[in-house]
């Protein structure tokens, strides 16, 4: 399949914000943009039941909708969305497609086929963070390609530094790409994704590595307070060694390293407000228990202010 940036479109404000982000990403990558709507088949008895009132004309997700919109309605919605994106993002190729099936399954396959899948997440505001619905969680948990989650209300200017007088502007430099990294078990696909995104944006990479003291050392910390500093130096040195080949591969990308004792979740969430993109990894697990999203990735998905890229790795 031709490599694309694919966005799941369902007519919601968050999916429209995701489509705008995906269009900007397609321009950065020089790839086509594919709008994908997944129409879940209606059960046979429900399919035969007549629909009445506003629900027969309303699109799913719109006020007054009581049932799935007709196929021709979604074809028109996709066509209009594609036309608007072409006008706002001249130069990118935009295609649209409607597929019948279970959304989580179709979208998870699309993540592997496309090269990059973009989905929307609903903002809850304040400390509530962002809501990643059951479909989004299932897609991230099963996709074997990168998935980017974009919150409702995301604007291009949010990814850039303010102008000299503090006004948001998409004409200024991109904010750094924020990478959450386990330096003890690094994966090239996650690191490479973050550095490539930073290079496309002419942005810096800020790498956050949180670590924990082994229990046998933590218990003896009061008797040997220098132990913490020794481990801290070792962990910082490990992070520097892991990133060394990537500094050579991307010499134009400025790199800031941050290694500290503790969980990286809070640090990543706090720093996301000053970042253009947050990148975290998810280990692929193929077992009867099912897929798993780690606690750090789960927290980042729900609470980061910037778009979040979850990169699956072996």
Protein backbone atom coordinates (compact mmCIF):
# COMPACT_ATOMS: atom_id res chain seq x y z
CA UNK A 1 0.00 0.00 0.00
CA UNK A 2 1.19 3.54 -0.77
CA UNK A 3 2.53 5.28 2.31
CA UNK A 4 0.16 7.96 3.54
CA UNK A 5 -0.74 9.98 6.55
CA UNK A 6 -4.17 8.55 7.42
CA UNK A 7 -6.66 10.24 9.73
CA UNK A 8 -9.79 8.70 11.21
CA UNK A 9 -12.67 11.08 10.53
CA UNK A 10 -16.04 10.80 12.28
CA UNK A 11 -17.32 14.38 12.06
CA UNK A 12 -16.47 15.25 15.67
CA UNK A 13 -14.50 18.42 16.60
CA UNK A 14 -11.57 16.28 17.76
CA UNK A 15 -11.42 14.37 14.48
CA UNK A 16 -11.52 17.62 12.53
CA UNK A 17 -8.61 18.95 14.60
CA UNK A 18 -6.80 15.66 13.93
CA UNK A 19 -7.41 16.10 10.18
CA UNK A 20 -5.86 19.58 10.23
CA UNK A 21 -2.81 18.27 12.12
CA UNK A 22 -2.55 15.33 9.73
CA UNK A 23 -2.61 17.70 6.74
CA UNK A 24 0.28 19.69 8.18
CA UNK A 25 2.18 16.47 8.86
CA UNK A 26 1.53 15.23 5.32
CA UNK A 27 3.03 18.46 3.98
CA UNK A 28 6.13 18.02 6.19
CA UNK A 29 6.57 14.43 5.01
CA UNK A 30 5.66 15.01 1.36
CA UNK A 31 3.00 12.27 1.56
CA UNK A 32 -0.65 12.06 0.53
CA UNK A 33 -3.34 12.56 3.17
CA UNK A 34 -6.04 9.90 3.43
CA UNK A 35 -9.34 10.61 5.17
CA UNK A 36 -10.81 7.38 6.51
CA UNK A 37 -14.32 6.94 7.88
CA UNK A 38 -15.24 3.57 9.34
CA UNK A 39 -18.93 2.73 9.17
CA UNK A 40 -19.88 0.01 11.60
CA UNK A 41 -22.55 -2.24 10.05
CA UNK A 42 -25.93 -2.10 11.75
CA UNK A 43 -27.30 -5.37 13.13
CA UNK A 44 -29.85 -6.98 10.81
CA UNK A 45 -33.03 -6.25 12.85
CA UNK A 46 -31.96 -2.64 13.40
CA UNK A 47 -31.07 -2.25 9.74
CA UNK A 48 -34.65 -3.20 8.77
CA UNK A 49 -36.27 -0.91 11.31
CA UNK A 50 -37.47 2.40 9.83
CA UNK A 51 -35.85 5.58 11.10
CA UNK A 52 -37.90 8.70 11.64
CA UNK A 53 -37.43 12.34 12.53
CA UNK A 54 -34.20 14.34 12.43
CA UNK A 55 -32.08 11.23 12.89
CA UNK A 56 -32.65 10.19 9.29
CA UNK A 57 -30.81 13.26 8.09
CA UNK A 58 -28.40 14.02 10.94
CA UNK A 59 -24.83 12.84 10.87
CA UNK A 60 -23.55 10.73 13.70
CA UNK A 61 -22.16 12.93 16.45
CA UNK A 62 -24.39 15.88 15.52
CA UNK A 63 -27.18 17.12 17.79
CA UNK A 64 -30.42 15.28 17.11
CA UNK A 65 -28.79 12.23 15.54
CA UNK A 66 -30.60 9.03 16.51
CA UNK A 67 -28.99 6.58 14.16
CA UNK A 68 -26.17 6.07 11.67
CA UNK A 69 -26.24 8.48 8.71
CA UNK A 70 -26.91 7.12 5.23
CA UNK A 71 -23.86 6.13 3.21
CA UNK A 72 -24.40 8.95 0.75
CA UNK A 73 -24.39 11.44 3.63
CA UNK A 74 -20.95 10.34 4.74
CA UNK A 75 -19.67 10.33 1.20
CA UNK A 76 -20.70 13.97 0.94
CA UNK A 77 -19.16 14.78 4.35
CA UNK A 78 -15.85 13.19 3.37
CA UNK A 79 -15.84 14.93 0.01
CA UNK A 80 -16.50 18.33 1.60
CA UNK A 81 -13.84 17.72 4.25
CA UNK A 82 -11.32 16.81 1.56
CA UNK A 83 -12.16 19.92 -0.46
CA UNK A 84 -11.70 22.14 2.59
CA UNK A 85 -8.34 20.59 3.44
CA UNK A 86 -7.10 21.07 -0.13
CA UNK A 87 -8.02 24.75 0.08
CA UNK A 88 -6.35 25.29 3.47
CA UNK A 89 -3.31 23.14 2.69
CA UNK A 90 -2.51 23.63 -1.00
CA UNK A 91 0.00 21.25 -2.49
CA UNK A 92 -0.96 18.07 -0.64
CA UNK A 93 -2.85 15.21 -2.24
CA UNK A 94 -6.05 14.37 -0.33
CA UNK A 95 -8.11 11.23 -0.81
CA UNK A 96 -11.16 9.99 1.07
CA UNK A 97 -12.44 6.50 1.78
CA UNK A 98 -15.33 4.91 3.64
CA UNK A 99 -14.87 1.37 4.96
CA UNK A 100 -17.39 -0.93 6.62
CA UNK A 101 -16.17 -2.78 9.70
CA UNK A 102 -15.38 -2.46 13.38
CA UNK A 103 -13.60 0.89 13.85
CA UNK A 104 -10.90 -0.37 16.23
CA UNK A 105 -9.96 -3.21 13.87
CA UNK A 106 -10.01 -1.16 10.67
CA UNK A 107 -8.06 1.72 12.20
CA UNK A 108 -5.47 -0.57 13.79
CA UNK A 109 -4.82 -2.15 10.38
CA UNK A 110 -4.63 1.31 8.82
CA UNK A 111 -1.88 2.29 11.28
CA UNK A 112 0.31 -0.52 9.98
CA UNK A 113 -0.49 0.04 6.33
CA UNK A 114 -0.31 3.81 6.16
CA UNK A 115 2.91 4.77 7.88
CA UNK A 116 1.15 7.12 10.32
CA UNK A 117 -2.38 7.11 11.74
CA UNK A 118 -3.87 10.23 13.35
CA UNK A 119 -6.86 10.18 15.72
CA UNK A 120 -8.65 12.79 17.78
CA UNK A 121 -9.01 12.91 21.57
CA UNK A 122 -11.61 14.94 23.41
CA UNK A 123 -10.45 17.69 25.76
CA UNK A 124 -11.85 17.69 29.31
CA UNK A 125 -10.15 20.91 30.42
CA UNK A 126 -8.18 21.78 33.55
CA UNK A 127 -6.60 18.95 35.46
CA UNK A 128 -9.03 16.52 33.83
CA UNK A 129 -6.75 16.24 30.85
CA UNK A 130 -7.99 14.59 27.68
CA UNK A 131 -10.32 11.70 27.08
CA UNK A 132 -9.09 8.91 24.84
CA UNK A 133 -12.17 6.84 24.04
CA UNK A 134 -12.39 3.08 23.97
CA UNK A 135 -11.79 2.94 20.24
CA UNK A 136 -8.67 5.12 20.48
CA UNK A 137 -7.30 3.06 23.36
CA UNK A 138 -7.94 -0.19 21.49
CA UNK A 139 -6.29 1.14 18.33
CA UNK A 140 -3.18 2.30 20.22
CA UNK A 141 -3.02 -1.01 22.10
CA UNK A 142 -3.14 -3.13 18.92
CA UNK A 143 -1.60 -0.95 16.19
CA UNK A 144 1.85 -1.93 14.98
CA UNK A 145 2.52 1.43 13.37
CA UNK A 146 2.80 4.92 14.91
CA UNK A 147 -0.45 6.52 16.11
CA UNK A 148 -0.77 10.24 16.88
CA UNK A 149 -3.51 11.53 19.18
CA UNK A 150 -4.60 15.14 18.69
CA UNK A 151 -6.83 16.93 21.17
CA UNK A 152 -9.91 18.91 20.19
CA UNK A 153 -9.08 22.57 19.66
CA UNK A 154 -5.48 21.94 18.59
CA UNK A 155 -4.18 24.84 16.48
CA UNK A 156 -1.05 25.14 14.35
CA UNK A 157 0.15 28.07 16.49
CA UNK A 158 0.09 25.84 19.59
CA UNK A 159 3.09 23.94 18.20
CA UNK A 160 5.22 27.06 17.73
CA UNK A 161 7.02 29.47 20.03
CA UNK A 162 5.13 32.74 20.67
CA UNK A 163 6.24 35.73 18.62
CA UNK A 164 8.46 38.44 20.19
CA UNK A 165 5.47 40.11 21.88
CA UNK A 166 4.02 36.84 23.17
CA UNK A 167 1.29 36.32 20.60
CA UNK A 168 0.75 32.73 19.34
CA UNK A 169 1.92 32.39 15.75
CA UNK A 170 2.45 29.57 13.27
CA UNK A 171 5.19 31.62 11.61
CA UNK A 172 7.72 31.24 14.44
CA UNK A 173 10.01 28.30 15.21
CA UNK A 174 8.51 24.99 16.28
CA UNK A 175 8.62 24.12 19.96
CA UNK A 176 10.86 21.12 20.83
CA UNK A 177 9.82 17.52 20.24
CA UNK A 178 9.56 15.85 23.65
CA UNK A 179 10.76 12.23 23.87
CA UNK A 180 10.02 9.97 26.82
CA UNK A 181 12.80 7.36 26.79
CA UNK A 182 13.76 4.35 28.88
CA UNK A 183 17.53 4.55 28.48
CA UNK A 184 17.99 1.09 30.01
CA UNK A 185 15.83 -0.51 27.28
CA UNK A 186 15.94 1.95 24.36
CA UNK A 187 14.34 1.20 21.01
CA UNK A 188 15.65 2.65 17.77
CA UNK A 189 12.21 3.02 16.20
CA UNK A 190 10.99 5.30 19.00
CA UNK A 191 14.16 7.41 19.09
CA UNK A 192 14.36 7.57 15.30
CA UNK A 193 10.74 8.72 15.05
CA UNK A 194 11.35 11.59 17.49
CA UNK A 195 14.56 12.76 15.80
CA UNK A 196 12.99 12.56 12.32
CA UNK A 197 10.00 14.62 13.48
CA UNK A 198 12.33 17.21 15.00
CA UNK A 199 14.40 17.38 11.80
CA UNK A 200 11.26 17.95 9.69
CA UNK A 201 10.27 20.82 11.98
CA UNK A 202 13.81 22.24 12.36
CA UNK A 203 13.18 21.83 16.08
CA UNK A 204 15.12 20.58 19.08
CA UNK A 205 14.61 17.26 20.86
CA UNK A 206 14.15 17.23 24.62
CA UNK A 207 14.71 13.74 26.05
CA UNK A 208 13.26 12.81 29.44
CA UNK A 209 14.51 9.65 31.18
CA UNK A 210 13.12 8.69 34.57
CA UNK A 211 14.66 5.89 36.61
CA UNK A 212 14.15 4.17 39.95
CA UNK A 213 16.69 2.92 42.48
CA UNK A 214 16.83 -0.87 42.82
CA UNK A 215 15.08 -1.91 46.07
CA UNK A 216 18.28 -3.25 47.63
CA UNK A 217 19.89 0.19 47.18
CA UNK A 218 16.83 2.20 48.19
CA UNK A 219 16.63 0.46 51.56
CA UNK A 220 20.23 1.36 52.37
CA UNK A 221 20.02 4.96 51.12
CA UNK A 222 19.96 6.51 54.61
CA UNK A 223 23.21 4.75 55.52
CA UNK A 224 24.91 5.63 52.23
CA UNK A 225 23.45 8.91 50.94
CA UNK A 226 26.04 9.10 48.16
CA UNK A 227 24.47 6.05 46.51
CA UNK A 228 21.74 8.13 44.89
CA UNK A 229 24.25 10.49 43.28
CA UNK A 230 26.32 7.55 42.03
CA UNK A 231 23.28 5.98 40.37
CA UNK A 232 22.22 9.38 38.99
CA UNK A 233 25.60 9.81 37.29
CA UNK A 234 25.45 6.29 35.87
CA UNK A 235 21.95 6.83 34.49
CA UNK A 236 22.88 10.19 32.97
CA UNK A 237 25.91 8.57 31.34
CA UNK A 238 23.73 5.77 29.95
CA UNK A 239 21.34 8.30 28.42
CA UNK A 240 24.22 10.21 26.81
CA UNK A 241 25.63 6.99 25.30
CA UNK A 242 22.24 5.94 23.94
CA UNK A 243 21.75 9.30 22.23
CA UNK A 244 25.30 9.64 20.87
CA UNK A 245 24.68 7.85 17.53
CA UNK A 246 21.49 9.86 17.01
CA UNK A 247 23.35 13.11 17.53
CA UNK A 248 25.73 11.98 14.78
CA UNK A 249 22.90 10.94 12.46
CA UNK A 250 20.99 14.21 12.98
CA UNK A 251 23.75 16.81 13.59
CA UNK A 252 21.33 19.65 12.81
CA UNK A 253 19.01 18.68 15.69
CA UNK A 254 19.73 20.29 19.05
CA UNK A 255 19.38 17.78 21.91
CA UNK A 256 18.60 18.44 25.57
CA UNK A 257 18.95 15.53 28.00
CA UNK A 258 17.13 15.19 31.30
CA UNK A 259 17.75 12.18 33.55
CA UNK A 260 16.23 12.03 37.04
CA UNK A 261 15.10 9.64 39.73
CA UNK A 262 11.36 9.06 39.55
CA UNK A 263 8.53 8.35 37.13
CA UNK A 264 8.72 10.41 33.93
CA UNK A 265 4.92 10.75 33.64
CA UNK A 266 4.53 14.00 35.57
CA UNK A 267 7.62 15.56 33.98
CA UNK A 268 6.39 14.69 30.48
CA UNK A 269 2.90 16.05 31.12
CA UNK A 270 4.30 19.31 32.52
CA UNK A 271 6.77 19.76 29.64
CA UNK A 272 4.16 18.96 26.98
CA UNK A 273 2.71 22.47 27.21
CA UNK A 274 6.03 23.76 25.82
CA UNK A 275 6.39 21.07 23.13
CA UNK A 276 5.19 20.65 19.57
CA UNK A 277 4.89 16.86 19.85
CA UNK A 278 5.33 14.22 22.55
CA UNK A 279 6.78 10.84 21.54
CA UNK A 280 6.51 7.70 23.67
CA UNK A 281 6.85 4.00 22.95
CA UNK A 282 4.62 0.96 23.43
CA UNK A 283 6.03 -2.54 23.51
CA UNK A 284 4.20 -4.99 21.23
CA UNK A 285 3.07 -8.02 23.20
CA UNK A 286 1.53 -10.94 21.34
CA UNK A 287 0.06 -13.25 23.96
CA UNK A 288 -3.36 -14.62 25.02
CA UNK A 289 -3.69 -11.94 27.69
CA UNK A 290 -3.95 -9.30 24.97
CA UNK A 291 -2.29 -5.99 24.21
CA UNK A 292 -1.03 -3.65 26.89
CA UNK A 293 -0.39 0.08 27.18
CA UNK A 294 2.25 0.87 29.80
CA UNK A 295 1.45 3.26 32.68
CA UNK A 296 3.69 6.07 31.42
CA UNK A 297 2.26 5.95 27.90
CA UNK A 298 -1.27 5.71 29.29
CA UNK A 299 -0.77 8.81 31.47
CA UNK A 300 0.82 10.77 28.63
CA UNK A 301 -2.02 9.91 26.25
CA UNK A 302 -4.64 11.23 28.66
CA UNK A 303 -2.97 14.32 30.09
CA UNK A 304 -0.43 15.86 27.69
CA UNK A 305 -1.32 19.22 26.18
CA UNK A 306 0.51 18.60 22.87
CA UNK A 307 -0.23 15.92 20.26
CA UNK A 308 1.08 12.53 21.39
CA UNK A 309 2.76 9.99 19.09
CA UNK A 310 2.73 6.40 20.37
CA UNK A 311 5.31 4.31 18.52
CA UNK A 312 4.91 0.53 18.77
CA UNK A 313 8.11 -1.48 18.98
CA UNK A 314 9.20 -5.10 19.50
